[in-house]
Amino acid sequence: MRKSRVRRLACAVALALGAAFLSPGIQSAAAAADPYQVLVFSKTAGFRHDS
């Protein structure tokens, strides 16, 4: 029973590593899209500090 558990764990680790190495290839198409710029504006109303 212990060998079966170890074998199952080894298979799960191998599948996880395989998925981790294959997923960057899938995401590279999304990274090749046109880059965009974002402007973030924040304003405070009446806050003053001592500096």
Protein backbone atom coordinates (compact mmCIF):
# COMPACT_ATOMS: atom_id res chain seq x y z
CA MET A 1 0.00 0.00 0.00
CA ARG A 2 2.87 2.40 0.75
CA LYS A 3 4.46 1.84 -2.68
CA SER A 4 1.13 2.61 -4.31
CA ARG A 5 0.90 5.91 -2.43
CA VAL A 6 4.46 6.86 -3.39
CA ARG A 7 3.80 5.96 -7.02
CA ARG A 8 0.63 8.08 -7.04
CA LEU A 9 2.50 11.01 -5.53
CA ALA A 10 5.29 10.68 -8.10
CA CYS A 11 2.74 10.68 -10.94
CA ALA A 12 1.00 13.75 -9.52
CA VAL A 13 4.31 15.62 -9.24
CA ALA A 14 5.26 14.63 -12.80
CA LEU A 15 1.91 15.85 -14.13
CA ALA A 16 2.21 19.14 -12.24
CA LEU A 17 5.72 19.75 -13.58
CA GLY A 18 4.63 18.89 -17.10
CA ALA A 19 1.73 21.32 -16.89
CA ALA A 20 4.02 24.02 -15.50
CA PHE A 21 6.45 23.68 -18.41
CA LEU A 22 3.72 23.56 -21.07
CA SER A 23 1.67 26.53 -19.87
CA PRO A 24 4.21 29.29 -20.80
CA GLY A 25 3.93 28.21 -24.43
CA ILE A 26 0.18 28.63 -24.32
CA GLN A 27 0.38 32.06 -22.69
CA SER A 28 2.98 33.42 -25.11
CA ALA A 29 0.28 34.20 -27.70
CA ALA A 30 -1.44 36.51 -25.22
CA ALA A 31 1.87 38.20 -24.40
CA ALA A 32 2.45 38.91 -28.09
CA ALA A 33 -0.65 41.16 -28.20
CA ASP A 34 -0.21 44.92 -28.58
CA PRO A 35 1.06 46.56 -25.39
CA TYR A 36 -1.06 49.27 -23.86
CA GLN A 37 -0.45 52.14 -21.49
CA VAL A 38 -2.47 52.99 -18.41
CA LEU A 39 -2.63 56.37 -16.69
CA VAL A 40 -3.65 56.24 -13.04
CA PHE A 41 -4.85 59.52 -11.50
CA SER A 42 -5.78 59.96 -7.86
CA LYS A 43 -6.77 63.18 -6.16
CA THR A 44 -7.24 64.02 -2.50
CA ALA A 45 -9.81 66.52 -1.35
CA GLY A 46 -8.40 68.97 1.19
CA PHE A 47 -5.73 66.74 2.78
CA ARG A 48 -2.72 68.69 3.98
CA HIS A 49 0.34 67.35 5.75
CA ASP A 50 3.14 68.99 7.76
CA SER A 51 6.08 68.37 5.46
